[in-house]
Protein backbone atom coordinates (compact mmCIF):
# COMPACT_ATOMS: atom_id res chain seq x y z
CA MET A 1 105.64 121.56 51.26
CA ASN A 2 109.00 120.59 49.58
CA LYS A 3 111.30 117.98 51.18
CA GLU A 4 114.14 120.22 51.48
CA LYS A 5 112.41 122.38 53.50
CA PHE A 6 110.73 119.88 55.54
CA LYS A 7 114.20 118.47 56.05
CA LYS A 8 116.16 121.91 57.41
CA TRP A 9 112.23 122.56 59.56
CA LEU A 10 112.83 118.66 61.23
CA ILE A 11 116.94 119.23 61.48
CA ALA A 12 116.27 122.74 63.19
CA TYR A 13 113.32 121.23 65.40
CA LEU A 14 115.39 118.61 66.48
CA ARG A 15 118.16 120.71 67.39
CA GLN A 16 116.33 123.12 69.57
CA PRO A 17 116.53 121.19 72.88
CA PHE A 18 119.93 120.86 72.96
CA HIS A 19 120.28 124.07 72.30
CA MET A 20 118.39 125.08 75.22
CA ILE A 21 120.53 122.43 77.32
CA VAL A 22 123.59 123.88 75.97
CA TRP A 23 122.40 127.95 77.61
CA VAL A 24 121.17 126.47 80.51
CA MET A 25 124.42 124.78 81.17
CA GLU A 26 126.62 128.18 80.29
CA THR A 27 123.96 129.98 82.16
CA PHE A 28 124.58 128.21 85.61
CA ALA A 29 128.46 128.15 84.72
CA LYS A 30 128.62 131.80 84.58
CA ASN A 31 126.44 132.28 88.08
CA ARG A 32 128.66 129.86 89.54
CA LYS A 33 131.44 132.02 89.19
CA ARG A 34 129.88 134.93 90.04
CA LEU A 35 128.90 133.32 93.24
CA LYS A 36 132.08 131.97 94.28
CA ALA A 37 133.89 135.74 93.44
CA PHE A 38 131.14 137.22 95.73
CA LEU A 39 131.49 135.23 98.18
CA GLU A 40 135.00 135.00 98.53
CA LYS A 41 134.58 138.42 100.54
CA ASP A 42 135.30 138.00 104.04
CA LYS A 43 132.90 139.50 104.97
CA VAL A 44 130.14 138.54 102.38
CA SER A 45 130.39 134.77 103.58
CA SER A 46 130.57 135.15 107.26
CA THR A 47 127.18 137.10 106.74
CA PHE A 48 125.82 134.45 104.52
CA LYS A 49 126.57 131.56 106.78
CA THR A 50 125.53 133.36 109.63
CA ILE A 51 122.31 134.01 107.75
CA VAL A 52 122.13 130.36 106.72
CA THR A 53 122.50 129.37 110.19
CA ILE A 54 120.32 131.81 112.01
CA THR A 55 117.21 131.10 109.39
CA LEU A 56 118.24 126.88 109.90
CA PHE A 57 117.40 127.54 113.97
CA VAL A 58 113.97 129.83 113.74
CA TRP A 59 113.12 126.70 111.43
CA LEU A 60 113.84 124.56 113.70
CA GLY A 61 112.32 126.63 116.73
CA VAL A 62 109.28 126.90 114.43
CA PHE A 63 108.67 123.38 114.19
CA ALA A 64 109.78 122.35 117.65
CA PHE A 65 107.99 124.87 119.56
CA LEU A 66 105.30 126.17 117.84
CA ALA A 67 103.21 123.51 116.27
CA THR A 68 100.48 121.90 118.02
CA SER A 69 101.34 119.00 120.53
CA GLU A 70 100.21 115.91 117.99
CA ASP A 71 102.61 117.60 115.19
CA GLY A 72 105.59 118.25 117.18
CA ASP A 73 105.80 115.27 118.96
CA ARG A 74 105.41 113.17 114.91
CA PHE A 75 108.02 116.14 114.28
CA THR A 76 110.07 114.41 117.24
CA CYS A 77 109.90 111.18 116.67
CA ALA A 78 110.19 111.76 113.11
CA VAL A 79 114.23 113.19 114.14
CA LYS A 80 114.36 110.59 116.85
CA SER A 81 113.48 107.90 114.38
CA MET A 82 116.64 108.69 112.20
CA TYR A 83 118.96 106.99 114.91
CA SER A 84 120.04 104.11 115.57
CA GLY A 85 119.00 102.57 119.00
CA PHE A 86 116.04 105.03 119.56
CA ASP A 87 112.99 103.03 120.68
CA SER A 88 109.83 103.84 118.50
CA SER A 89 107.25 102.12 120.56
CA ASP A 90 105.45 105.37 121.26
CA CYS A 91 105.92 106.89 117.79
CA PRO A 92 103.25 106.00 114.86
CA THR A 93 105.39 104.56 111.56
CA GLN A 94 107.56 107.02 109.88
CA PRO A 95 106.73 106.79 105.68
CA TRP A 96 110.21 105.93 105.35
CA GLU A 97 110.34 102.66 107.53
CA PRO A 98 109.20 99.42 106.77
CA ALA A 99 105.62 98.65 107.98
CA VAL A 100 105.84 96.02 111.18
CA LYS A 101 104.32 92.81 110.38
CA SER A 102 102.29 91.87 113.52
CA ASN A 103 101.59 87.88 113.74
């Protein structure tokens, strides 16, 4: 393989990731514009918001009422532990909380 051919190949090889990033960003921008234009319609926008809200409440219902007692309590403790002033003595330590050191 001669040096010039290898040099061209290497430049093309190293340039490819940048071409891919540009393509992804252009596609993302085009899709954002299309989605914005689509959601500017009143009926579409209100329907989309309603579907998102209903989905949120359905999943909260699934987690709150259909979970086993142990998992439901764990979920309740996890949600309540995010608020300050909550007495979490009955709850297990959550993964994001620092472990309590006992002396």
